[in-house]
């Protein structure tokens, strides 16, 4: 489970910012199942998510894939001339143990890297890395092998990436979280038909569950089929509406249907096994009521038995105060990103900073600008832009 994610000097985030998934009001659980991030277009919401994705890619690829002559492929804040490192830090709970893992990089190398564990609440150093090398905690075994690995470490590769590929048990849970438990959806409009087919082939219960969720979404779909794929033809998903013999190709379905079906394999996998699903613009193709039901699956303790989490960006203000009166987002699950107009730097802050009351209409207050993170749109400016384009005074 993810407790927090901190980043700095990544794209539009110049200064360090932290997303917390720890309850602000209720203390009956250690982490929150959902975090929703609001903000205007181009405010930097997606950059928060790409920061977490870069961290995962660095853990996976820095030793095996990154070219040693090309440094670190970071995307730093470029709107000022100040040289500063980029920092990425996560705090996790895995099998009941809390971990903190992070690193600082510049364009050429890894400057610092660290991994701490907190068994029984006490801090233990697994390893710390700086310009002088890698140091290991006193409780870490197999030190000769670790020290040999540190001698093989390239300056632009993470020690975690190298140690995990060398089967060092102390780091395997962290690497497994990044590679297996953390899943991203950045373009819900692009549907991986092969992924859907693989999931449907896994078992009849998987197919039935997907169909049941399609029916629950009121899309008019009654059954799903997959073609065998003759010769060089790829296998395809076919959809039946109502009761009849006419089958439709997935590409002929609406964008909303494709988006929902494309999400289901990942959603069900995360709900079953735990992990974090990160979605950029959850409202891009989903009706607000359908998005609310998706969020509800992560809140439902009878469904989300593995402690799965959902982090998403959105413009959909109705999720803040749904028309049917059902709470979709708790007050401590709502975050905002706002970009400073002068510096171009993004900042991240929670709704809880404003001390909202349970009876507040959060949608109305957000759209009225009470929490910031909304665009300043003057109708006069739009009108004048069109009139000036016509040569009118």
Protein backbone atom coordinates (compact mmCIF):
# COMPACT_ATOMS: atom_id res chain seq x y z
CA UNK A 1 0.00 0.00 0.00
CA UNK A 2 1.16 3.50 -0.81
CA UNK A 3 1.27 5.95 2.11
CA UNK A 4 2.85 8.87 0.27
CA UNK A 5 4.66 9.98 -2.86
CA UNK A 6 7.00 12.97 -2.97
CA UNK A 7 8.66 14.55 -5.99
CA UNK A 8 10.59 17.67 -6.86
CA UNK A 9 12.06 19.22 -10.00
CA UNK A 10 10.01 17.09 -12.35
CA UNK A 11 8.39 18.81 -15.32
CA UNK A 12 6.20 21.61 -13.92
CA UNK A 13 6.91 20.69 -10.28
CA UNK A 14 9.91 22.86 -9.39
CA UNK A 15 9.75 22.55 -5.61
CA UNK A 16 9.14 19.36 -3.66
CA UNK A 17 5.48 18.38 -3.31
CA UNK A 18 3.92 15.41 -1.51
CA UNK A 19 0.76 13.42 -2.11
CA UNK A 20 -0.42 11.80 1.13
CA UNK A 21 -2.74 8.82 1.22
CA UNK A 22 -3.06 8.76 4.99
CA UNK A 23 -6.40 9.61 6.64
CA UNK A 24 -6.78 13.16 7.89
CA UNK A 25 -9.97 12.57 9.86
CA UNK A 26 -10.62 8.89 10.59
CA UNK A 27 -7.83 6.84 12.16
CA UNK A 28 -9.45 3.44 11.69
CA UNK A 29 -7.20 2.58 8.74
CA UNK A 30 -3.60 3.20 7.81
CA UNK A 31 -4.06 4.38 4.22
CA UNK A 32 -6.83 5.75 2.04
CA UNK A 33 -8.14 3.68 -0.89
CA UNK A 34 -8.60 6.68 -3.22
CA UNK A 35 -6.90 9.97 -4.09
CA UNK A 36 -8.50 12.36 -6.61
CA UNK A 37 -6.45 15.20 -8.10
CA UNK A 38 -8.23 18.27 -9.51
CA UNK A 39 -6.85 21.24 -11.41
CA UNK A 40 -7.18 23.40 -14.49
CA UNK A 41 -5.90 22.33 -17.89
CA UNK A 42 -2.08 22.54 -18.05
CA UNK A 43 -1.87 22.93 -14.26
CA UNK A 44 0.44 19.93 -13.90
CA UNK A 45 -1.94 17.18 -12.73
CA UNK A 46 -0.58 14.66 -15.22
CA UNK A 47 2.99 15.58 -14.29
CA UNK A 48 2.35 14.32 -10.78
CA UNK A 49 1.45 10.92 -12.20
CA UNK A 50 4.31 10.87 -14.72
CA UNK A 51 6.66 11.49 -11.80
CA UNK A 52 5.52 8.26 -10.18
CA UNK A 53 5.79 6.50 -13.53
CA UNK A 54 9.34 7.79 -14.03
CA UNK A 55 10.26 6.41 -10.63
CA UNK A 56 8.88 2.98 -11.58
CA UNK A 57 10.69 3.06 -14.94
CA UNK A 58 13.95 3.98 -13.23
CA UNK A 59 13.63 1.02 -10.85
CA UNK A 60 12.92 -1.28 -13.79
CA UNK A 61 15.26 0.06 -16.45
CA UNK A 62 18.12 2.11 -15.02
CA UNK A 63 20.61 -0.77 -14.79
CA UNK A 64 19.46 -3.00 -17.65
CA UNK A 65 18.25 -0.48 -20.24
CA UNK A 66 19.61 3.02 -19.70
CA UNK A 67 22.63 3.81 -21.83
CA UNK A 68 25.58 4.49 -19.48
CA UNK A 69 26.81 7.27 -21.79
CA UNK A 70 23.51 9.18 -21.83
CA UNK A 71 23.05 9.88 -18.14
CA UNK A 72 19.61 10.02 -16.54
CA UNK A 73 16.57 10.64 -18.80
CA UNK A 74 14.80 12.93 -16.34
CA UNK A 75 12.47 15.79 -17.31
CA UNK A 76 13.38 18.65 -15.01
CA UNK A 77 11.72 22.05 -14.50
CA UNK A 78 13.17 24.25 -17.24
CA UNK A 79 11.59 27.67 -16.66
CA UNK A 80 14.50 28.97 -14.59
CA UNK A 81 18.27 28.55 -14.75
CA UNK A 82 18.76 27.10 -11.29
CA UNK A 83 20.55 23.76 -11.24
CA UNK A 84 18.88 21.40 -8.80
CA UNK A 85 18.47 17.64 -8.45
CA UNK A 86 15.21 15.82 -9.11
CA UNK A 87 13.88 13.87 -6.13
CA UNK A 88 11.41 10.97 -5.97
CA UNK A 89 10.34 9.26 -2.73
CA UNK A 90 7.65 6.70 -1.82
CA UNK A 91 6.53 5.43 1.55
CA UNK A 92 4.98 1.97 1.41
CA UNK A 93 3.46 -0.68 3.64
CA UNK A 94 4.22 -4.19 2.39
CA UNK A 95 3.26 -7.29 4.36
CA UNK A 96 2.71 -5.13 7.42
CA UNK A 97 6.16 -3.48 7.25
CA UNK A 98 6.66 0.19 6.40
CA UNK A 99 9.38 1.18 3.93
CA UNK A 100 10.77 4.45 2.63
CA UNK A 101 12.58 4.38 -0.70
CA UNK A 102 13.85 7.35 -2.67
CA UNK A 103 16.56 8.81 -4.85
CA UNK A 104 17.94 12.10 -6.13
CA UNK A 105 19.31 12.43 -9.65
CA UNK A 106 20.66 15.07 -11.93
CA UNK A 107 21.05 14.86 -15.69
CA UNK A 108 24.19 12.73 -15.43
CA UNK A 109 23.99 10.48 -12.39
CA UNK A 110 22.29 9.25 -9.25
CA UNK A 111 23.34 11.59 -6.46
CA UNK A 112 21.68 9.85 -3.53
CA UNK A 113 19.56 6.75 -2.97
CA UNK A 114 18.19 5.19 0.19
CA UNK A 115 15.98 2.39 1.46
CA UNK A 116 14.75 2.19 5.06
CA UNK A 117 12.44 -0.31 6.70
CA UNK A 118 10.48 0.10 9.92
CA UNK A 119 9.79 -3.34 11.42
CA UNK A 120 7.93 -2.91 14.72
CA UNK A 121 8.07 0.85 14.12
CA UNK A 122 11.86 1.15 14.45
CA UNK A 123 13.95 2.54 11.60
CA UNK A 124 16.46 0.20 10.00
CA UNK A 125 18.83 1.21 7.24
CA UNK A 126 18.82 -1.26 4.36
CA UNK A 127 21.20 0.85 2.30
CA UNK A 128 22.25 4.47 1.79
CA UNK A 129 24.08 5.76 -1.25
CA UNK A 130 25.87 9.04 -1.91
CA UNK A 131 29.00 10.27 -3.68
CA UNK A 132 31.18 8.17 -1.36
CA UNK A 133 29.45 4.90 -2.27
CA UNK A 134 26.84 2.51 -0.86
CA UNK A 135 26.58 1.73 2.86
CA UNK A 136 24.52 -1.10 4.32
CA UNK A 137 22.68 -1.37 7.60
CA UNK A 138 24.03 -3.53 10.40
CA UNK A 139 21.10 -5.96 10.16
CA UNK A 140 21.54 -6.61 6.44
CA UNK A 141 23.07 -9.98 5.66
CA UNK A 142 25.13 -11.22 2.70
CA UNK A 143 27.34 -8.15 2.90
CA UNK A 144 30.18 -9.51 0.70
CA UNK A 145 27.74 -9.96 -2.19
CA UNK A 146 26.23 -6.51 -1.63
CA UNK A 147 29.64 -4.86 -1.53
CA UNK A 148 30.63 -6.65 -4.75
CA UNK A 149 27.46 -5.36 -6.41
CA UNK A 150 28.17 -1.82 -5.28
CA UNK A 151 31.52 -2.00 -7.07
CA UNK A 152 29.67 -2.90 -10.31
CA UNK A 153 27.21 -0.02 -10.00
CA UNK A 154 27.13 2.56 -12.78
CA UNK A 155 26.68 6.19 -11.87
CA UNK A 156 23.39 6.48 -13.80
CA UNK A 157 21.85 3.26 -12.46
CA UNK A 158 19.89 2.75 -9.26
CA UNK A 159 21.33 0.32 -6.74
CA UNK A 160 17.82 -1.04 -6.20
CA UNK A 161 17.63 -1.90 -9.91
CA UNK A 162 20.96 -3.74 -9.80
CA UNK A 163 20.40 -5.51 -6.47
CA UNK A 164 16.94 -6.74 -7.40
CA UNK A 165 18.22 -8.26 -10.64
CA UNK A 166 20.87 -10.00 -8.54
CA UNK A 167 18.15 -11.53 -6.34
CA UNK A 168 19.02 -9.65 -3.15
CA UNK A 169 16.11 -10.50 -0.85
CA UNK A 170 16.14 -7.23 1.09
CA UNK A 171 15.10 -5.19 -1.95
CA UNK A 172 12.85 -7.63 -3.79
CA UNK A 173 9.57 -6.52 -2.13
CA UNK A 174 10.19 -2.90 -3.15
CA UNK A 175 11.06 -3.75 -6.75
CA UNK A 176 8.07 -6.10 -6.97
CA UNK A 177 5.77 -3.31 -5.85
CA UNK A 178 7.01 -0.98 -8.59
CA UNK A 179 6.91 -3.63 -11.31
CA UNK A 180 3.85 -5.67 -10.39
CA UNK A 181 1.59 -3.73 -8.01
CA UNK A 182 1.78 -0.30 -9.67
CA UNK A 183 -0.28 0.06 -12.85
CA UNK A 184 -0.82 3.10 -15.06
CA UNK A 185 -3.55 4.17 -17.50
CA UNK A 186 -2.61 7.40 -19.25
CA UNK A 187 -4.87 7.20 -22.28
CA UNK A 188 -8.12 5.42 -21.56
CA UNK A 189 -9.14 5.99 -25.17
CA UNK A 190 -6.44 3.60 -26.36
CA UNK A 191 -7.69 0.08 -25.72
CA UNK A 192 -5.33 -2.90 -25.67
CA UNK A 193 -7.50 -5.59 -27.25
CA UNK A 194 -4.84 -8.22 -26.64
CA UNK A 195 -4.88 -7.48 -22.92
CA UNK A 196 -8.66 -7.93 -22.85
CA UNK A 197 -8.42 -11.25 -24.75
CA UNK A 198 -5.71 -12.56 -22.41
CA UNK A 199 -7.85 -11.70 -19.40
CA UNK A 200 -10.95 -13.30 -20.87
CA UNK A 201 -8.96 -16.44 -21.71
CA UNK A 202 -7.73 -16.77 -18.14
CA UNK A 203 -10.96 -18.39 -16.98
CA UNK A 204 -14.70 -18.48 -17.30
CA UNK A 205 -15.13 -16.61 -14.01
CA UNK A 206 -13.04 -13.73 -15.39
CA UNK A 207 -15.20 -13.56 -18.50
CA UNK A 208 -18.39 -13.69 -16.45
CA UNK A 209 -17.19 -10.93 -14.14
CA UNK A 210 -16.31 -8.65 -17.06
CA UNK A 211 -19.70 -9.26 -18.70
CA UNK A 212 -21.49 -8.61 -15.40
CA UNK A 213 -19.67 -5.29 -15.04
CA UNK A 214 -20.54 -4.36 -18.62
CA UNK A 215 -24.18 -5.10 -17.90
CA UNK A 216 -24.04 -3.15 -14.65
CA UNK A 217 -22.74 -0.17 -16.63
CA UNK A 218 -25.98 -0.14 -18.65
CA UNK A 219 -24.17 -0.36 -22.00
CA UNK A 220 -26.64 -2.79 -23.55
CA UNK A 221 -24.05 -5.56 -23.82
CA UNK A 222 -25.17 -9.10 -23.04
CA UNK A 223 -22.18 -11.27 -24.04
CA UNK A 224 -18.55 -11.16 -25.13
CA UNK A 225 -16.82 -13.40 -27.63
CA UNK A 226 -13.27 -13.70 -28.93
CA UNK A 227 -12.40 -14.86 -32.42
CA UNK A 228 -9.85 -17.64 -32.96
CA UNK A 229 -7.77 -15.68 -35.44
CA UNK A 230 -7.29 -17.68 -38.61
CA UNK A 231 -3.89 -17.56 -40.27
CA UNK A 232 -2.25 -14.18 -39.86
CA UNK A 233 -5.46 -12.49 -38.73
CA UNK A 234 -5.31 -11.20 -35.15
CA UNK A 235 -7.82 -12.32 -32.58
CA UNK A 236 -10.64 -9.88 -31.95
CA UNK A 237 -13.18 -9.10 -29.25
CA UNK A 238 -16.78 -9.25 -30.44
CA UNK A 239 -19.72 -7.85 -28.54
CA UNK A 240 -23.36 -8.93 -28.51
CA UNK A 241 -26.14 -6.46 -27.78
CA UNK A 242 -29.49 -7.76 -26.64
CA UNK A 243 -30.40 -11.28 -27.69
CA UNK A 244 -29.50 -12.06 -31.27
CA UNK A 245 -26.86 -13.28 -33.63
CA UNK A 246 -25.37 -9.93 -34.63
CA UNK A 247 -21.89 -9.41 -33.19
CA UNK A 248 -20.07 -6.10 -33.26
CA UNK A 249 -16.34 -5.47 -33.32
CA UNK A 250 -14.99 -3.65 -30.29
CA UNK A 251 -13.78 -0.80 -32.50
CA UNK A 252 -17.41 -0.18 -33.53
CA UNK A 253 -18.46 0.46 -29.93
CA UNK A 254 -18.64 3.91 -28.40
CA UNK A 255 -15.54 5.47 -26.85
CA UNK A 256 -17.13 5.09 -23.42
CA UNK A 257 -17.77 1.38 -23.92
CA UNK A 258 -14.23 0.80 -25.17
CA UNK A 259 -12.79 2.78 -22.28
CA UNK A 260 -14.80 0.88 -19.66
CA UNK A 261 -14.00 -2.53 -21.14
CA UNK A 262 -10.36 -1.57 -21.52
CA UNK A 263 -10.14 -0.67 -17.85
CA UNK A 264 -11.80 -3.77 -16.45
CA UNK A 265 -8.90 -6.28 -16.69
CA UNK A 266 -6.60 -3.90 -14.80
CA UNK A 267 -9.28 -2.88 -12.29
CA UNK A 268 -10.16 -6.49 -11.47
CA UNK A 269 -6.52 -7.54 -11.25
CA UNK A 270 -5.69 -4.74 -8.81
CA UNK A 271 -8.80 -5.35 -6.71
CA UNK A 272 -7.95 -9.04 -6.42
CA UNK A 273 -4.26 -8.81 -5.69
CA UNK A 274 -3.84 -5.36 -4.21
CA UNK A 275 -1.69 -2.59 -5.66
CA UNK A 276 -2.22 0.89 -7.01
CA UNK A 277 -4.08 1.83 -10.18
CA UNK A 278 -3.11 5.25 -11.51
CA UNK A 279 -5.47 6.79 -14.09
CA UNK A 280 -4.98 10.09 -15.87
CA UNK A 281 -8.26 11.86 -16.70
CA UNK A 282 -10.66 9.22 -15.44
CA UNK A 283 -13.56 11.25 -16.86
CA UNK A 284 -12.18 11.34 -20.43
CA UNK A 285 -14.64 8.74 -21.74
CA UNK A 286 -16.63 7.66 -18.70
CA UNK A 287 -19.99 9.10 -17.67
CA UNK A 288 -19.74 10.75 -14.22
CA UNK A 289 -22.09 8.16 -12.71
CA UNK A 290 -19.97 5.33 -14.13
CA UNK A 291 -16.77 6.92 -12.83
CA UNK A 292 -18.45 7.17 -9.42
CA UNK A 293 -19.27 3.46 -9.47
CA UNK A 294 -15.67 2.63 -10.35
CA UNK A 295 -14.44 4.68 -7.39
CA UNK A 296 -17.03 2.95 -5.25
CA UNK A 297 -15.45 -0.45 -5.95
CA UNK A 298 -12.26 0.70 -4.23
CA UNK A 299 -14.23 2.02 -1.26
CA UNK A 300 -16.24 -1.18 -0.86
CA UNK A 301 -14.49 -3.30 1.80
CA UNK A 302 -16.35 -6.41 0.64
CA UNK A 303 -14.99 -5.96 -2.89
CA UNK A 304 -11.61 -4.42 -2.16
CA UNK A 305 -10.37 -7.08 0.21
CA UNK A 306 -6.70 -6.78 -0.81
CA UNK A 307 -6.28 -3.09 0.03
CA UNK A 308 -6.10 -1.83 -3.56
CA UNK A 309 -5.80 1.91 -4.16
CA UNK A 310 -6.93 4.23 -6.95
CA UNK A 311 -5.19 7.51 -7.80
CA UNK A 312 -6.65 9.59 -10.60
CA UNK A 313 -6.82 13.06 -12.12
CA UNK A 314 -10.10 14.55 -13.22
CA UNK A 315 -12.05 17.68 -14.14
CA UNK A 316 -15.37 16.13 -13.10
CA UNK A 317 -16.62 18.39 -10.30
CA UNK A 318 -19.83 16.35 -9.87
CA UNK A 319 -17.75 13.73 -8.04
CA UNK A 320 -17.27 16.32 -5.29
CA UNK A 321 -21.02 16.66 -4.67
CA UNK A 322 -22.92 14.01 -6.62
CA UNK A 323 -26.55 14.78 -7.53
CA UNK A 324 -27.87 11.59 -5.92
CA UNK A 325 -26.48 12.56 -2.54
CA UNK A 326 -24.12 9.57 -2.22
CA UNK A 327 -20.62 10.50 -1.11
CA UNK A 328 -18.13 9.49 -3.80
CA UNK A 329 -14.99 11.10 -2.39
CA UNK A 330 -14.15 11.64 1.25
CA UNK A 331 -12.84 15.08 2.17
CA UNK A 332 -9.29 13.78 2.77
CA UNK A 333 -9.21 12.04 -0.63
CA UNK A 334 -9.35 15.29 -2.63
CA UNK A 335 -6.26 17.14 -3.83
CA UNK A 336 -5.63 20.15 -6.06
CA UNK A 337 -2.83 21.16 -8.42
CA UNK A 338 -2.38 24.82 -9.30
CA UNK A 339 0.24 26.45 -11.50
CA UNK A 340 1.72 29.82 -10.60
CA UNK A 341 1.20 32.15 -13.55
CA UNK A 342 4.49 34.00 -13.07
CA UNK A 343 6.93 31.17 -12.38
CA UNK A 344 5.07 28.36 -14.19
CA UNK A 345 5.65 26.07 -11.19
CA UNK A 346 2.94 23.67 -10.02
CA UNK A 347 1.94 23.19 -6.40
CA UNK A 348 -0.04 20.36 -4.83
CA UNK A 349 -2.28 20.77 -1.79
CA UNK A 350 -5.19 18.92 -0.13
CA UNK A 351 -8.77 20.00 0.37
CA UNK A 352 -8.25 19.39 4.08
CA UNK A 353 -6.10 22.56 4.21
CA UNK A 354 -9.38 24.50 3.89
CA UNK A 355 -10.99 22.66 6.83
CA UNK A 356 -14.16 21.76 4.90
CA UNK A 357 -17.30 20.83 6.79
CA UNK A 358 -19.32 17.73 6.00
CA UNK A 359 -22.29 19.83 4.90
CA UNK A 360 -20.28 21.97 2.44
CA UNK A 361 -21.20 21.76 -1.23
CA UNK A 362 -17.67 21.00 -2.44
CA UNK A 363 -18.60 21.11 -6.13
CA UNK A 364 -20.06 24.60 -5.89
CA UNK A 365 -17.20 25.91 -3.79
CA UNK A 366 -14.58 24.42 -6.10
CA UNK A 367 -16.13 25.84 -9.27
CA UNK A 368 -16.48 29.21 -7.54
CA UNK A 369 -12.73 29.24 -6.97
CA UNK A 370 -12.82 28.85 -3.19
CA UNK A 371 -10.08 26.21 -3.30
CA UNK A 372 -8.13 27.56 -6.27
CA UNK A 373 -7.01 25.18 -9.04
CA UNK A 374 -9.58 26.47 -11.54
CA UNK A 375 -8.92 28.47 -14.72
CA UNK A 376 -9.68 32.19 -14.87
CA UNK A 377 -11.99 32.38 -17.86
CA UNK A 378 -13.54 35.71 -18.81
CA UNK A 379 -16.29 35.68 -21.42
CA UNK A 380 -15.17 39.15 -22.48
CA UNK A 381 -11.71 37.78 -23.28
CA UNK A 382 -13.17 35.03 -25.47
CA UNK A 383 -15.45 37.49 -27.24
CA UNK A 384 -12.67 39.99 -27.82
CA UNK A 385 -10.36 37.26 -29.20
CA UNK A 386 -12.94 36.31 -31.84
CA UNK A 387 -13.77 39.92 -32.69
CA UNK A 388 -10.12 40.90 -33.07
CA UNK A 389 -9.60 37.96 -35.40
CA UNK A 390 -12.29 39.41 -37.63
CA UNK A 391 -10.61 42.80 -37.61
CA UNK A 392 -13.30 44.32 -35.41
CA UNK A 393 -12.41 46.95 -32.83
